[in-house]
């Protein structure tokens, strides 16, 4: 009787399993077709930051608007866009998703540096803000990896 119950239990357990080819993930619309599931990634280098507001003025920040011919209406409406800040740990590149927030202290001086972005059809805007609004110095050259899905 124990053997019959054991075999019945095994039949139920293994009979209820689905293979990966039957899962919703693998059978999602366009899941195996290059025609309907697309993605691309590339790096944008930002050098020319524009200060918005006065030097060290309240609410001042840095912005750089970059035209992008690949960011079309279809991707804007039906796709998704992710952006990463590329930094280096020695010679090793490290990708950090935006927004990226870092807190700093130098004696009694405390501040936060935030990298963020937004986008519209045909362009990206990258932002660097400092919680103490110390905007005397530009952020310098930054690299951003853009990943688009459509």
C-alpha atoms as a PDB file:
ATOM      1  CA  UNK A   1       0.000   0.000   0.000  1.00  0.00           C
ATOM      2  CA  UNK A   2       2.889   2.375   0.832  1.00  0.00           C
ATOM      3  CA  UNK A   3       4.437   1.704  -2.591  1.00  0.00           C
ATOM      4  CA  UNK A   4       1.152   2.487  -4.346  1.00  0.00           C
ATOM      5  CA  UNK A   5       0.741   5.738  -2.390  1.00  0.00           C
ATOM      6  CA  UNK A   6       4.363   6.652  -3.109  1.00  0.00           C
ATOM      7  CA  UNK A   7       3.932   6.011  -6.854  1.00  0.00           C
ATOM      8  CA  UNK A   8       0.661   7.952  -6.865  1.00  0.00           C
ATOM      9  CA  UNK A   9       2.364  10.868  -5.112  1.00  0.00           C
ATOM     10  CA  UNK A  10       5.260  10.820  -7.622  1.00  0.00           C
ATOM     11  CA  UNK A  11       2.808  10.745 -10.528  1.00  0.00           C
ATOM     12  CA  UNK A  12       0.948  13.752  -9.168  1.00  0.00           C
ATOM     13  CA  UNK A  13       4.122  15.720  -8.424  1.00  0.00           C
ATOM     14  CA  UNK A  14       5.807  15.102 -11.779  1.00  0.00           C
ATOM     15  CA  UNK A  15       2.593  15.185 -13.784  1.00  0.00           C
ATOM     16  CA  UNK A  16       1.790  18.675 -12.494  1.00  0.00           C
ATOM     17  CA  UNK A  17       5.115  20.151 -13.662  1.00  0.00           C
ATOM     18  CA  UNK A  18       5.397  22.112 -16.866  1.00  0.00           C
ATOM     19  CA  UNK A  19       8.453  22.258 -19.040  1.00  0.00           C
ATOM     20  CA  UNK A  20      10.135  25.593 -19.749  1.00  0.00           C
ATOM     21  CA  UNK A  21       8.719  25.622 -23.260  1.00  0.00           C
ATOM     22  CA  UNK A  22       5.206  25.767 -21.826  1.00  0.00           C
ATOM     23  CA  UNK A  23       5.835  28.615 -19.402  1.00  0.00           C
ATOM     24  CA  UNK A  24       4.344  32.043 -19.934  1.00  0.00           C
ATOM     25  CA  UNK A  25       7.833  33.561 -19.982  1.00  0.00           C
ATOM     26  CA  UNK A  26       8.978  31.609 -23.034  1.00  0.00           C
ATOM     27  CA  UNK A  27       5.653  31.938 -24.835  1.00  0.00           C
ATOM     28  CA  UNK A  28       5.137  35.650 -24.289  1.00  0.00           C
ATOM     29  CA  UNK A  29       4.274  37.563 -27.463  1.00  0.00           C
ATOM     30  CA  UNK A  30       7.378  37.786 -29.592  1.00  0.00           C
ATOM     31  CA  UNK A  31       9.430  35.826 -27.079  1.00  0.00           C
ATOM     32  CA  UNK A  32      11.325  33.898 -29.738  1.00  0.00           C
ATOM     33  CA  UNK A  33      11.065  36.354 -32.603  1.00  0.00           C
ATOM     34  CA  UNK A  34      13.693  38.964 -33.378  1.00  0.00           C
ATOM     35  CA  UNK A  35      11.024  40.894 -35.288  1.00  0.00           C
ATOM     36  CA  UNK A  36       8.959  41.827 -32.237  1.00  0.00           C
ATOM     37  CA  UNK A  37      11.369  41.853 -29.287  1.00  0.00           C
ATOM     38  CA  UNK A  38      14.212  44.290 -29.793  1.00  0.00           C
ATOM     39  CA  UNK A  39      16.762  46.001 -27.611  1.00  0.00           C
ATOM     40  CA  UNK A  40      19.857  48.074 -28.103  1.00  0.00           C
ATOM     41  CA  UNK A  41      22.469  49.675 -25.882  1.00  0.00           C
ATOM     42  CA  UNK A  42      25.106  52.325 -26.443  1.00  0.00           C
ATOM     43  CA  UNK A  43      27.188  54.822 -24.476  1.00  0.00           C
ATOM     44  CA  UNK A  44      26.658  58.585 -24.411  1.00  0.00           C
ATOM     45  CA  UNK A  45      29.555  60.741 -23.202  1.00  0.00           C
ATOM     46  CA  UNK A  46      28.554  64.046 -21.618  1.00  0.00           C
ATOM     47  CA  UNK A  47      31.148  66.813 -21.368  1.00  0.00           C
ATOM     48  CA  UNK A  48      29.316  70.109 -21.724  1.00  0.00           C
ATOM     49  CA  UNK A  49      27.215  70.565 -18.603  1.00  0.00           C
ATOM     50  CA  UNK A  50      25.008  73.649 -18.435  1.00  0.00           C
ATOM     51  CA  UNK A  51      24.559  75.246 -15.020  1.00  0.00           C
ATOM     52  CA  UNK A  52      20.924  76.067 -14.357  1.00  0.00           C
ATOM     53  CA  UNK A  53      20.708  78.913 -11.851  1.00  0.00           C
ATOM     54  CA  UNK A  54      23.493  81.057 -10.490  1.00  0.00           C
ATOM     55  CA  UNK A  55      26.839  79.831  -9.205  1.00  0.00           C
ATOM     56  CA  UNK A  56      26.201  78.256  -5.791  1.00  0.00           C
ATOM     57  CA  UNK A  57      22.663  79.691  -5.849  1.00  0.00           C
ATOM     58  CA  UNK A  58      19.742  77.966  -4.190  1.00  0.00           C
ATOM     59  CA  UNK A  59      18.165  75.363  -6.476  1.00  0.00           C
ATOM     60  CA  UNK A  60      21.077  75.475  -8.956  1.00  0.00           C
ATOM     61  CA  UNK A  61      22.034  72.262 -10.745  1.00  0.00           C
ATOM     62  CA  UNK A  62      23.712  70.959 -13.896  1.00  0.00           C
ATOM     63  CA  UNK A  63      21.967  69.693 -17.009  1.00  0.00           C
ATOM     64  CA  UNK A  64      23.023  68.374 -20.400  1.00  0.00           C
ATOM     65  CA  UNK A  65      20.498  67.764 -23.173  1.00  0.00           C
ATOM     66  CA  UNK A  66      21.597  65.225 -25.780  1.00  0.00           C
ATOM     67  CA  UNK A  67      19.777  64.691 -29.064  1.00  0.00           C
ATOM     68  CA  UNK A  68      19.143  61.017 -29.831  1.00  0.00           C
ATOM     69  CA  UNK A  69      17.772  59.907 -33.192  1.00  0.00           C
ATOM     70  CA  UNK A  70      17.067  56.388 -31.912  1.00  0.00           C
ATOM     71  CA  UNK A  71      14.620  57.531 -29.250  1.00  0.00           C
ATOM     72  CA  UNK A  72      11.570  57.655 -31.497  1.00  0.00           C
ATOM     73  CA  UNK A  73       7.825  57.892 -30.828  1.00  0.00           C
ATOM     74  CA  UNK A  74       7.392  54.097 -30.877  1.00  0.00           C
ATOM     75  CA  UNK A  75      10.003  53.523 -28.157  1.00  0.00           C
ATOM     76  CA  UNK A  76       8.605  56.448 -26.161  1.00  0.00           C
ATOM     77  CA  UNK A  77       5.038  55.058 -26.327  1.00  0.00           C
ATOM     78  CA  UNK A  78       5.561  51.296 -26.229  1.00  0.00           C
ATOM     79  CA  UNK A  79       9.146  50.650 -25.154  1.00  0.00           C
ATOM     80  CA  UNK A  80      11.285  51.247 -22.108  1.00  0.00           C
ATOM     81  CA  UNK A  81      14.526  53.083 -21.492  1.00  0.00           C
ATOM     82  CA  UNK A  82      17.070  52.482 -18.736  1.00  0.00           C
ATOM     83  CA  UNK A  83      20.219  54.517 -18.138  1.00  0.00           C
ATOM     84  CA  UNK A  84      23.331  53.622 -16.143  1.00  0.00           C
ATOM     85  CA  UNK A  85      26.185  55.827 -14.959  1.00  0.00           C
ATOM     86  CA  UNK A  86      29.482  54.203 -15.938  1.00  0.00           C
ATOM     87  CA  UNK A  87      32.181  54.589 -13.302  1.00  0.00           C
ATOM     88  CA  UNK A  88      35.507  52.847 -12.869  1.00  0.00           C
ATOM     89  CA  UNK A  89      36.924  50.845  -9.993  1.00  0.00           C
ATOM     90  CA  UNK A  90      40.527  51.083 -11.144  1.00  0.00           C
ATOM     91  CA  UNK A  91      40.341  49.811 -14.727  1.00  0.00           C
ATOM     92  CA  UNK A  92      37.122  47.857 -14.175  1.00  0.00           C
ATOM     93  CA  UNK A  93      33.933  49.544 -15.448  1.00  0.00           C
ATOM     94  CA  UNK A  94      30.989  49.571 -13.047  1.00  0.00           C
ATOM     95  CA  UNK A  95      27.439  50.351 -14.196  1.00  0.00           C
ATOM     96  CA  UNK A  96      25.099  52.007 -11.705  1.00  0.00           C
ATOM     97  CA  UNK A  97      21.406  52.468 -12.567  1.00  0.00           C
ATOM     98  CA  UNK A  98      20.011  55.991 -12.421  1.00  0.00           C
ATOM     99  CA  UNK A  99      18.990  57.721 -10.314  1.00  0.00           C
ATOM    100  CA  UNK A 100      22.285  57.413  -8.473  1.00  0.00           C
ATOM    101  CA  UNK A 101      22.527  59.085  -5.077  1.00  0.00           C
ATOM    102  CA  UNK A 102      25.752  59.361  -3.067  1.00  0.00           C
ATOM    103  CA  UNK A 103      26.198  60.996   0.331  1.00  0.00           C
ATOM    104  CA  UNK A 104      29.467  62.698   1.240  1.00  0.00           C
ATOM    105  CA  UNK A 105      31.066  64.261   4.310  1.00  0.00           C
ATOM    106  CA  UNK A 106      34.115  66.491   4.606  1.00  0.00           C
ATOM    107  CA  UNK A 107      34.456  67.600   8.206  1.00  0.00           C
ATOM    108  CA  UNK A 108      31.295  69.522   9.035  1.00  0.00           C
ATOM    109  CA  UNK A 109      30.295  69.742   5.365  1.00  0.00           C
ATOM    110  CA  UNK A 110      27.640  67.208   4.381  1.00  0.00           C
ATOM    111  CA  UNK A 111      26.110  66.919   0.923  1.00  0.00           C
ATOM    112  CA  UNK A 112      24.451  64.566  -1.508  1.00  0.00           C
ATOM    113  CA  UNK A 113      25.249  64.192  -5.208  1.00  0.00           C
ATOM    114  CA  UNK A 114      22.446  62.881  -7.415  1.00  0.00           C
ATOM    115  CA  UNK A 115      22.632  61.810 -11.070  1.00  0.00           C
ATOM    116  CA  UNK A 116      19.283  61.483 -12.845  1.00  0.00           C
ATOM    117  CA  UNK A 117      17.752  61.692 -16.302  1.00  0.00           C
ATOM    118  CA  UNK A 118      14.565  62.117 -18.244  1.00  0.00           C
ATOM    119  CA  UNK A 119      13.751  61.666 -21.887  1.00  0.00           C
ATOM    120  CA  UNK A 120      11.371  62.660 -24.610  1.00  0.00           C
ATOM    121  CA  UNK A 121      11.094  61.768 -28.271  1.00  0.00           C
ATOM    122  CA  UNK A 122      14.488  62.533 -29.789  1.00  0.00           C
ATOM    123  CA  UNK A 123      16.443  63.541 -26.688  1.00  0.00           C
ATOM    124  CA  UNK A 124      17.748  62.771 -23.216  1.00  0.00           C
ATOM    125  CA  UNK A 125      18.391  65.248 -20.430  1.00  0.00           C
ATOM    126  CA  UNK A 126      20.963  64.283 -17.807  1.00  0.00           C
ATOM    127  CA  UNK A 127      21.056  66.066 -14.445  1.00  0.00           C
ATOM    128  CA  UNK A 128      23.525  66.396 -11.587  1.00  0.00           C
ATOM    129  CA  UNK A 129      22.256  68.007  -8.400  1.00  0.00           C
ATOM    130  CA  UNK A 130      24.017  68.748  -5.136  1.00  0.00           C
ATOM    131  CA  UNK A 131      22.095  69.046  -1.890  1.00  0.00           C
ATOM    132  CA  UNK A 132      24.258  71.987  -0.771  1.00  0.00           C
ATOM    133  CA  UNK A 133      23.812  73.709  -4.193  1.00  0.00           C
ATOM    134  CA  UNK A 134      27.590  74.109  -4.516  1.00  0.00           C
ATOM    135  CA  UNK A 135      27.709  74.455  -8.306  1.00  0.00           C
ATOM    136  CA  UNK A 136      30.933  76.370  -8.751  1.00  0.00           C
ATOM    137  CA  UNK A 137      32.590  73.374 -10.451  1.00  0.00           C
ATOM    138  CA  UNK A 138      31.086  71.375 -13.312  1.00  0.00           C
ATOM    139  CA  UNK A 139      30.689  67.598 -12.831  1.00  0.00           C
ATOM    140  CA  UNK A 140      33.192  66.954 -15.636  1.00  0.00           C
ATOM    141  CA  UNK A 141      33.015  64.214 -18.250  1.00  0.00           C
ATOM    142  CA  UNK A 142      30.495  61.440 -17.548  1.00  0.00           C
ATOM    143  CA  UNK A 143      29.549  58.318 -19.458  1.00  0.00           C
ATOM    144  CA  UNK A 144      26.022  56.948 -19.503  1.00  0.00           C
ATOM    145  CA  UNK A 145      24.952  53.598 -20.902  1.00  0.00           C
ATOM    146  CA  UNK A 146      21.497  53.716 -22.495  1.00  0.00           C
ATOM    147  CA  UNK A 147      19.472  50.511 -22.880  1.00  0.00           C
ATOM    148  CA  UNK A 148      16.259  50.612 -24.916  1.00  0.00           C
ATOM    149  CA  UNK A 149      13.645  47.850 -25.257  1.00  0.00           C
ATOM    150  CA  UNK A 150      10.800  47.843 -27.775  1.00  0.00           C
END
